[in-house]
């Protein structure tokens, strides 16, 4: 079969391919090899092409003759804003930088609400290795002649609401396929400053299953203690 024919609409094919797009296509090819739809040589050739592909259209060409490529994809539902009272008004933690810098990174416990203030300073909040004890995390950021950067794992949802006054407010929207994944909301204003939120490439939150297992163990212990 000629894999270069029957290309999808240009609006889709011209999109730049992400690492997640390549991983999705590689998974389909791996399944096709296991099912006997592809020979080992065909699989190796296509995987090599996937790694070199630059656009979504180029990726789709390698799986167009496979059944999995024609199954409808479930669009992840957009997470709702926390309801009143779901997240406390008072912050669990304040990260403040006034003519200085403040960094929160590594293995730390993220509360439900974090306030970040950068006044002629720089604040970095890195959640890529954090322990999420709550599914909804709100980060309120204020930047005045300063910079606030928020980094999250690639498999959480990320939302932002705010703006800038002669400044920049930019939050890269991210949707997780896992309904149990944490949702991080970045709200704030940048006055002659910068606020940015985006995923950190290659970082995945690893405690979702651990948290679920903890709840199961806790419930089991309660049952056994009766």
C-alpha atoms as a PDB file:
ATOM      1  CA  UNK A   1       0.000   0.000   0.000  1.00  0.00           C
ATOM      2  CA  UNK A   2       1.265   3.479  -0.896  1.00  0.00           C
ATOM      3  CA  UNK A   3       1.498   5.260   2.442  1.00  0.00           C
ATOM      4  CA  UNK A   4       1.865   8.651   0.802  1.00  0.00           C
ATOM      5  CA  UNK A   5      -1.644   8.705  -0.679  1.00  0.00           C
ATOM      6  CA  UNK A   6      -4.976   9.719   0.796  1.00  0.00           C
ATOM      7  CA  UNK A   7      -3.582  12.412   3.074  1.00  0.00           C
ATOM      8  CA  UNK A   8      -5.868  14.058   5.645  1.00  0.00           C
ATOM      9  CA  UNK A   9      -6.840  17.768   5.392  1.00  0.00           C
ATOM     10  CA  UNK A  10      -3.957  20.231   5.326  1.00  0.00           C
ATOM     11  CA  UNK A  11      -5.086  21.887   8.574  1.00  0.00           C
ATOM     12  CA  UNK A  12      -4.208  18.665  10.377  1.00  0.00           C
ATOM     13  CA  UNK A  13      -1.226  17.450   8.387  1.00  0.00           C
ATOM     14  CA  UNK A  14       0.691  20.712   8.750  1.00  0.00           C
ATOM     15  CA  UNK A  15       0.646  20.638  12.559  1.00  0.00           C
ATOM     16  CA  UNK A  16       4.047  20.069  14.108  1.00  0.00           C
ATOM     17  CA  UNK A  17       4.296  16.658  15.753  1.00  0.00           C
ATOM     18  CA  UNK A  18       4.876  16.459  19.510  1.00  0.00           C
ATOM     19  CA  UNK A  19       6.647  13.734  21.474  1.00  0.00           C
ATOM     20  CA  UNK A  20       3.210  12.535  22.615  1.00  0.00           C
ATOM     21  CA  UNK A  21       2.121  12.205  18.954  1.00  0.00           C
ATOM     22  CA  UNK A  22       5.191  10.110  18.166  1.00  0.00           C
ATOM     23  CA  UNK A  23       4.620   7.913  21.216  1.00  0.00           C
ATOM     24  CA  UNK A  24       1.000   7.310  20.173  1.00  0.00           C
ATOM     25  CA  UNK A  25       1.997   6.213  16.670  1.00  0.00           C
ATOM     26  CA  UNK A  26       4.847   4.059  18.008  1.00  0.00           C
ATOM     27  CA  UNK A  27       2.368   2.273  20.319  1.00  0.00           C
ATOM     28  CA  UNK A  28       0.077   1.525  17.368  1.00  0.00           C
ATOM     29  CA  UNK A  29       2.993   0.114  15.393  1.00  0.00           C
ATOM     30  CA  UNK A  30       4.077  -2.007  18.352  1.00  0.00           C
ATOM     31  CA  UNK A  31       0.582  -3.498  18.637  1.00  0.00           C
ATOM     32  CA  UNK A  32       0.459  -4.131  14.889  1.00  0.00           C
ATOM     33  CA  UNK A  33       3.746  -6.037  15.110  1.00  0.00           C
ATOM     34  CA  UNK A  34       2.439  -8.141  17.987  1.00  0.00           C
ATOM     35  CA  UNK A  35      -0.766  -8.920  16.045  1.00  0.00           C
ATOM     36  CA  UNK A  36       1.200  -9.984  12.966  1.00  0.00           C
ATOM     37  CA  UNK A  37      -0.016  -7.112  10.795  1.00  0.00           C
ATOM     38  CA  UNK A  38       3.562  -5.933  10.269  1.00  0.00           C
ATOM     39  CA  UNK A  39       6.767  -7.854   9.761  1.00  0.00           C
ATOM     40  CA  UNK A  40       9.793  -7.039  11.897  1.00  0.00           C
ATOM     41  CA  UNK A  41      11.422  -5.242   8.969  1.00  0.00           C
ATOM     42  CA  UNK A  42       8.288  -3.196   8.258  1.00  0.00           C
ATOM     43  CA  UNK A  43       7.998  -2.271  11.923  1.00  0.00           C
ATOM     44  CA  UNK A  44      11.638  -1.181  12.149  1.00  0.00           C
ATOM     45  CA  UNK A  45      11.358   0.865   8.955  1.00  0.00           C
ATOM     46  CA  UNK A  46       8.215   2.659  10.123  1.00  0.00           C
ATOM     47  CA  UNK A  47       9.549   3.365  13.609  1.00  0.00           C
ATOM     48  CA  UNK A  48      12.610   4.937  12.052  1.00  0.00           C
ATOM     49  CA  UNK A  49      10.305   7.147   9.991  1.00  0.00           C
ATOM     50  CA  UNK A  50       8.241   8.073  13.045  1.00  0.00           C
ATOM     51  CA  UNK A  51      11.328   9.305  14.883  1.00  0.00           C
ATOM     52  CA  UNK A  52      12.240  11.507  11.921  1.00  0.00           C
ATOM     53  CA  UNK A  53       8.711  12.831  11.251  1.00  0.00           C
ATOM     54  CA  UNK A  54       8.174  16.559  11.711  1.00  0.00           C
ATOM     55  CA  UNK A  55       4.395  16.915  11.243  1.00  0.00           C
ATOM     56  CA  UNK A  56       1.245  15.056  12.249  1.00  0.00           C
ATOM     57  CA  UNK A  57       0.569  14.278   8.586  1.00  0.00           C
ATOM     58  CA  UNK A  58       3.915  12.534   8.234  1.00  0.00           C
ATOM     59  CA  UNK A  59       3.158  10.433  11.321  1.00  0.00           C
ATOM     60  CA  UNK A  60      -0.318   9.436  10.142  1.00  0.00           C
ATOM     61  CA  UNK A  61       1.139   8.100   6.899  1.00  0.00           C
ATOM     62  CA  UNK A  62       2.845   5.271   8.820  1.00  0.00           C
ATOM     63  CA  UNK A  63      -0.376   3.918  10.378  1.00  0.00           C
ATOM     64  CA  UNK A  64      -3.013   4.741   7.764  1.00  0.00           C
ATOM     65  CA  UNK A  65      -3.316   1.078   6.707  1.00  0.00           C
ATOM     66  CA  UNK A  66      -3.748  -0.162  10.294  1.00  0.00           C
ATOM     67  CA  UNK A  67      -7.159  -0.570  12.017  1.00  0.00           C
ATOM     68  CA  UNK A  68      -6.118   1.267  15.196  1.00  0.00           C
ATOM     69  CA  UNK A  69      -5.575   4.462  13.224  1.00  0.00           C
ATOM     70  CA  UNK A  70      -9.255   4.608  12.270  1.00  0.00           C
ATOM     71  CA  UNK A  71     -10.685   4.193  15.761  1.00  0.00           C
ATOM     72  CA  UNK A  72     -12.161   7.435  17.104  1.00  0.00           C
ATOM     73  CA  UNK A  73     -10.078   9.114  19.769  1.00  0.00           C
ATOM     74  CA  UNK A  74     -11.815  10.059  22.984  1.00  0.00           C
ATOM     75  CA  UNK A  75     -11.414  13.751  23.559  1.00  0.00           C
ATOM     76  CA  UNK A  76     -10.458  14.438  27.157  1.00  0.00           C
ATOM     77  CA  UNK A  77     -13.064  16.482  29.007  1.00  0.00           C
ATOM     78  CA  UNK A  78     -11.958  19.924  30.077  1.00  0.00           C
ATOM     79  CA  UNK A  79     -11.562  20.109  33.849  1.00  0.00           C
ATOM     80  CA  UNK A  80     -14.024  22.404  35.613  1.00  0.00           C
ATOM     81  CA  UNK A  81     -12.968  25.245  37.847  1.00  0.00           C
ATOM     82  CA  UNK A  82     -12.994  24.392  41.556  1.00  0.00           C
ATOM     83  CA  UNK A  83     -16.382  25.074  43.134  1.00  0.00           C
ATOM     84  CA  UNK A  84     -16.740  27.568  45.973  1.00  0.00           C
ATOM     85  CA  UNK A  85     -15.232  26.096  49.103  1.00  0.00           C
ATOM     86  CA  UNK A  86     -13.453  23.270  47.272  1.00  0.00           C
ATOM     87  CA  UNK A  87     -10.135  25.091  47.607  1.00  0.00           C
ATOM     88  CA  UNK A  88      -9.466  27.241  50.714  1.00  0.00           C
ATOM     89  CA  UNK A  89      -9.035  30.991  50.265  1.00  0.00           C
ATOM     90  CA  UNK A  90      -5.973  31.034  52.520  1.00  0.00           C
ATOM     91  CA  UNK A  91      -2.822  29.627  50.909  1.00  0.00           C
ATOM     92  CA  UNK A  92      -1.098  26.485  52.139  1.00  0.00           C
ATOM     93  CA  UNK A  93       2.164  28.116  51.139  1.00  0.00           C
ATOM     94  CA  UNK A  94       3.488  31.526  50.070  1.00  0.00           C
ATOM     95  CA  UNK A  95       6.461  31.791  47.725  1.00  0.00           C
ATOM     96  CA  UNK A  96       7.750  35.373  47.760  1.00  0.00           C
ATOM     97  CA  UNK A  97      10.644  37.050  45.954  1.00  0.00           C
ATOM     98  CA  UNK A  98      11.274  40.779  46.518  1.00  0.00           C
ATOM     99  CA  UNK A  99      14.454  41.931  44.805  1.00  0.00           C
ATOM    100  CA  UNK A 100      15.518  38.288  45.053  1.00  0.00           C
ATOM    101  CA  UNK A 101      14.661  34.805  43.798  1.00  0.00           C
ATOM    102  CA  UNK A 102      12.629  31.976  45.309  1.00  0.00           C
ATOM    103  CA  UNK A 103      12.521  28.394  44.062  1.00  0.00           C
ATOM    104  CA  UNK A 104      10.264  25.496  44.986  1.00  0.00           C
ATOM    105  CA  UNK A 105      11.288  22.262  43.298  1.00  0.00           C
ATOM    106  CA  UNK A 106      12.157  18.630  43.909  1.00  0.00           C
ATOM    107  CA  UNK A 107      10.142  16.146  45.966  1.00  0.00           C
ATOM    108  CA  UNK A 108       7.711  18.296  47.930  1.00  0.00           C
ATOM    109  CA  UNK A 109       4.033  18.159  48.884  1.00  0.00           C
ATOM    110  CA  UNK A 110       1.868  20.524  46.872  1.00  0.00           C
ATOM    111  CA  UNK A 111      -1.021  22.037  48.818  1.00  0.00           C
ATOM    112  CA  UNK A 112      -4.416  22.992  47.451  1.00  0.00           C
ATOM    113  CA  UNK A 113      -3.511  26.681  47.122  1.00  0.00           C
ATOM    114  CA  UNK A 114      -0.114  28.298  46.563  1.00  0.00           C
ATOM    115  CA  UNK A 115       0.467  32.054  46.317  1.00  0.00           C
ATOM    116  CA  UNK A 116       3.471  33.339  44.382  1.00  0.00           C
ATOM    117  CA  UNK A 117       4.632  36.985  44.483  1.00  0.00           C
ATOM    118  CA  UNK A 118       7.522  38.278  42.383  1.00  0.00           C
ATOM    119  CA  UNK A 119       8.278  41.957  43.028  1.00  0.00           C
ATOM    120  CA  UNK A 120      11.414  42.916  41.141  1.00  0.00           C
ATOM    121  CA  UNK A 121      12.340  39.262  41.621  1.00  0.00           C
ATOM    122  CA  UNK A 122      11.944  35.748  40.263  1.00  0.00           C
ATOM    123  CA  UNK A 123       9.792  32.833  41.463  1.00  0.00           C
ATOM    124  CA  UNK A 124      10.024  29.285  40.140  1.00  0.00           C
ATOM    125  CA  UNK A 125       7.443  26.685  41.155  1.00  0.00           C
ATOM    126  CA  UNK A 126       8.366  23.281  39.755  1.00  0.00           C
ATOM    127  CA  UNK A 127       5.699  20.609  40.311  1.00  0.00           C
ATOM    128  CA  UNK A 128       7.330  18.038  38.037  1.00  0.00           C
ATOM    129  CA  UNK A 129       8.463  15.901  41.002  1.00  0.00           C
ATOM    130  CA  UNK A 130       5.942  17.087  43.593  1.00  0.00           C
ATOM    131  CA  UNK A 131       3.586  14.869  45.570  1.00  0.00           C
ATOM    132  CA  UNK A 132      -0.002  15.755  44.758  1.00  0.00           C
ATOM    133  CA  UNK A 133      -2.198  15.111  47.786  1.00  0.00           C
ATOM    134  CA  UNK A 134      -5.164  16.872  46.162  1.00  0.00           C
ATOM    135  CA  UNK A 135      -6.557  16.628  42.660  1.00  0.00           C
ATOM    136  CA  UNK A 136      -7.078  20.394  42.327  1.00  0.00           C
ATOM    137  CA  UNK A 137      -4.209  22.807  42.913  1.00  0.00           C
ATOM    138  CA  UNK A 138      -4.611  26.570  42.513  1.00  0.00           C
ATOM    139  CA  UNK A 139      -1.575  28.795  42.079  1.00  0.00           C
ATOM    140  CA  UNK A 140      -2.234  32.523  42.415  1.00  0.00           C
ATOM    141  CA  UNK A 141       0.615  34.477  40.859  1.00  0.00           C
ATOM    142  CA  UNK A 142       1.343  38.196  41.016  1.00  0.00           C
ATOM    143  CA  UNK A 143       4.306  39.608  39.118  1.00  0.00           C
ATOM    144  CA  UNK A 144       5.357  43.271  39.319  1.00  0.00           C
ATOM    145  CA  UNK A 145       8.558  43.914  37.387  1.00  0.00           C
ATOM    146  CA  UNK A 146       9.272  40.249  38.082  1.00  0.00           C
ATOM    147  CA  UNK A 147       8.959  36.744  36.721  1.00  0.00           C
ATOM    148  CA  UNK A 148       6.873  33.737  37.856  1.00  0.00           C
ATOM    149  CA  UNK A 149       7.418  30.363  36.187  1.00  0.00           C
ATOM    150  CA  UNK A 150       5.266  27.305  36.874  1.00  0.00           C
ATOM    151  CA  UNK A 151       6.288  23.870  35.591  1.00  0.00           C
ATOM    152  CA  UNK A 152       4.061  20.789  35.754  1.00  0.00           C
ATOM    153  CA  UNK A 153       4.398  17.122  34.699  1.00  0.00           C
ATOM    154  CA  UNK A 154       3.215  16.261  31.204  1.00  0.00           C
ATOM    155  CA  UNK A 155       0.409  13.962  32.379  1.00  0.00           C
ATOM    156  CA  UNK A 156      -1.586  16.456  34.459  1.00  0.00           C
ATOM    157  CA  UNK A 157      -4.131  19.036  33.293  1.00  0.00           C
ATOM    158  CA  UNK A 158      -3.095  22.689  33.244  1.00  0.00           C
ATOM    159  CA  UNK A 159      -5.353  25.732  33.027  1.00  0.00           C
ATOM    160  CA  UNK A 160      -4.773  29.464  33.395  1.00  0.00           C
ATOM    161  CA  UNK A 161      -6.804  32.624  33.896  1.00  0.00           C
ATOM    162  CA  UNK A 162      -5.252  36.058  34.048  1.00  0.00           C
ATOM    163  CA  UNK A 163      -3.637  38.805  32.054  1.00  0.00           C
ATOM    164  CA  UNK A 164      -0.879  41.351  31.826  1.00  0.00           C
ATOM    165  CA  UNK A 165      -0.558  45.117  32.119  1.00  0.00           C
ATOM    166  CA  UNK A 166       2.394  45.929  29.912  1.00  0.00           C
ATOM    167  CA  UNK A 167       3.421  42.397  30.834  1.00  0.00           C
ATOM    168  CA  UNK A 168       2.983  38.796  29.721  1.00  0.00           C
ATOM    169  CA  UNK A 169       0.641  36.108  31.062  1.00  0.00           C
ATOM    170  CA  UNK A 170       0.950  32.793  29.222  1.00  0.00           C
ATOM    171  CA  UNK A 171      -0.274  29.391  30.388  1.00  0.00           C
ATOM    172  CA  UNK A 172      -0.060  26.444  27.985  1.00  0.00           C
ATOM    173  CA  UNK A 173      -3.345  24.532  28.208  1.00  0.00           C
ATOM    174  CA  UNK A 174      -2.805  20.843  28.904  1.00  0.00           C
ATOM    175  CA  UNK A 175      -5.378  18.025  29.062  1.00  0.00           C
ATOM    176  CA  UNK A 176      -4.679  14.713  30.757  1.00  0.00           C
ATOM    177  CA  UNK A 177      -6.272  11.499  29.493  1.00  0.00           C
ATOM    178  CA  UNK A 178      -6.396  10.223  33.073  1.00  0.00           C
ATOM    179  CA  UNK A 179      -9.533  11.433  34.922  1.00  0.00           C
ATOM    180  CA  UNK A 180      -7.720  10.887  38.230  1.00  0.00           C
ATOM    181  CA  UNK A 181      -4.796  13.129  37.270  1.00  0.00           C
ATOM    182  CA  UNK A 182      -4.246  16.394  39.163  1.00  0.00           C
ATOM    183  CA  UNK A 183      -5.473  19.670  37.684  1.00  0.00           C
ATOM    184  CA  UNK A 184      -3.312  22.756  38.166  1.00  0.00           C
ATOM    185  CA  UNK A 185      -4.874  26.208  37.757  1.00  0.00           C
ATOM    186  CA  UNK A 186      -2.573  29.213  37.365  1.00  0.00           C
ATOM    187  CA  UNK A 187      -4.374  32.493  38.032  1.00  0.00           C
ATOM    188  CA  UNK A 188      -2.760  35.905  38.173  1.00  0.00           C
ATOM    189  CA  UNK A 189      -1.655  39.209  36.751  1.00  0.00           C
ATOM    190  CA  UNK A 190       1.654  40.424  35.397  1.00  0.00           C
ATOM    191  CA  UNK A 191       2.369  44.154  35.694  1.00  0.00           C
ATOM    192  CA  UNK A 192       5.427  44.957  33.642  1.00  0.00           C
ATOM    193  CA  UNK A 193       6.423  41.383  34.369  1.00  0.00           C
ATOM    194  CA  UNK A 194       5.956  37.806  33.213  1.00  0.00           C
ATOM    195  CA  UNK A 195       3.882  34.818  34.344  1.00  0.00           C
ATOM    196  CA  UNK A 196       4.277  31.528  32.498  1.00  0.00           C
ATOM    197  CA  UNK A 197       2.942  28.016  33.043  1.00  0.00           C
ATOM    198  CA  UNK A 198       3.830  25.024  30.918  1.00  0.00           C
ATOM    199  CA  UNK A 199       4.620  21.287  31.112  1.00  0.00           C
ATOM    200  CA  UNK A 200       8.155  20.096  31.729  1.00  0.00           C
ATOM    201  CA  UNK A 201       9.185  17.715  28.975  1.00  0.00           C
ATOM    202  CA  UNK A 202       9.785  14.147  30.047  1.00  0.00           C
ATOM    203  CA  UNK A 203       8.393  14.608  33.551  1.00  0.00           C
ATOM    204  CA  UNK A 204       5.379  12.521  34.610  1.00  0.00           C
ATOM    205  CA  UNK A 205       3.579  12.563  37.927  1.00  0.00           C
ATOM    206  CA  UNK A 206       4.214   9.144  39.405  1.00  0.00           C
ATOM    207  CA  UNK A 207       2.177   9.197  42.593  1.00  0.00           C
ATOM    208  CA  UNK A 208      -1.342   8.832  41.123  1.00  0.00           C
ATOM    209  CA  UNK A 209      -1.327   5.056  41.478  1.00  0.00           C
ATOM    210  CA  UNK A 210       0.439   5.337  44.836  1.00  0.00           C
ATOM    211  CA  UNK A 211      -2.280   7.656  46.112  1.00  0.00           C
ATOM    212  CA  UNK A 212      -5.025   5.333  44.908  1.00  0.00           C
ATOM    213  CA  UNK A 213      -3.284   2.338  46.503  1.00  0.00           C
ATOM    214  CA  UNK A 214      -2.968   4.268  49.776  1.00  0.00           C
ATOM    215  CA  UNK A 215      -6.703   4.897  49.803  1.00  0.00           C
ATOM    216  CA  UNK A 216      -7.389   1.213  49.108  1.00  0.00           C
ATOM    217  CA  UNK A 217      -5.030   0.115  51.909  1.00  0.00           C
ATOM    218  CA  UNK A 218      -6.591   2.594  54.324  1.00  0.00           C
ATOM    219  CA  UNK A 219     -10.086   1.350  53.498  1.00  0.00           C
ATOM    220  CA  UNK A 220      -8.981  -2.264  53.870  1.00  0.00           C
ATOM    221  CA  UNK A 221      -7.425  -1.560  57.283  1.00  0.00           C
ATOM    222  CA  UNK A 222     -10.659   0.023  58.486  1.00  0.00           C
ATOM    223  CA  UNK A 223     -12.576  -3.057  57.329  1.00  0.00           C
ATOM    224  CA  UNK A 224     -10.198  -5.450  59.093  1.00  0.00           C
ATOM    225  CA  UNK A 225     -10.298  -3.466  62.324  1.00  0.00           C
ATOM    226  CA  UNK A 226     -14.050  -3.880  62.651  1.00  0.00           C
END
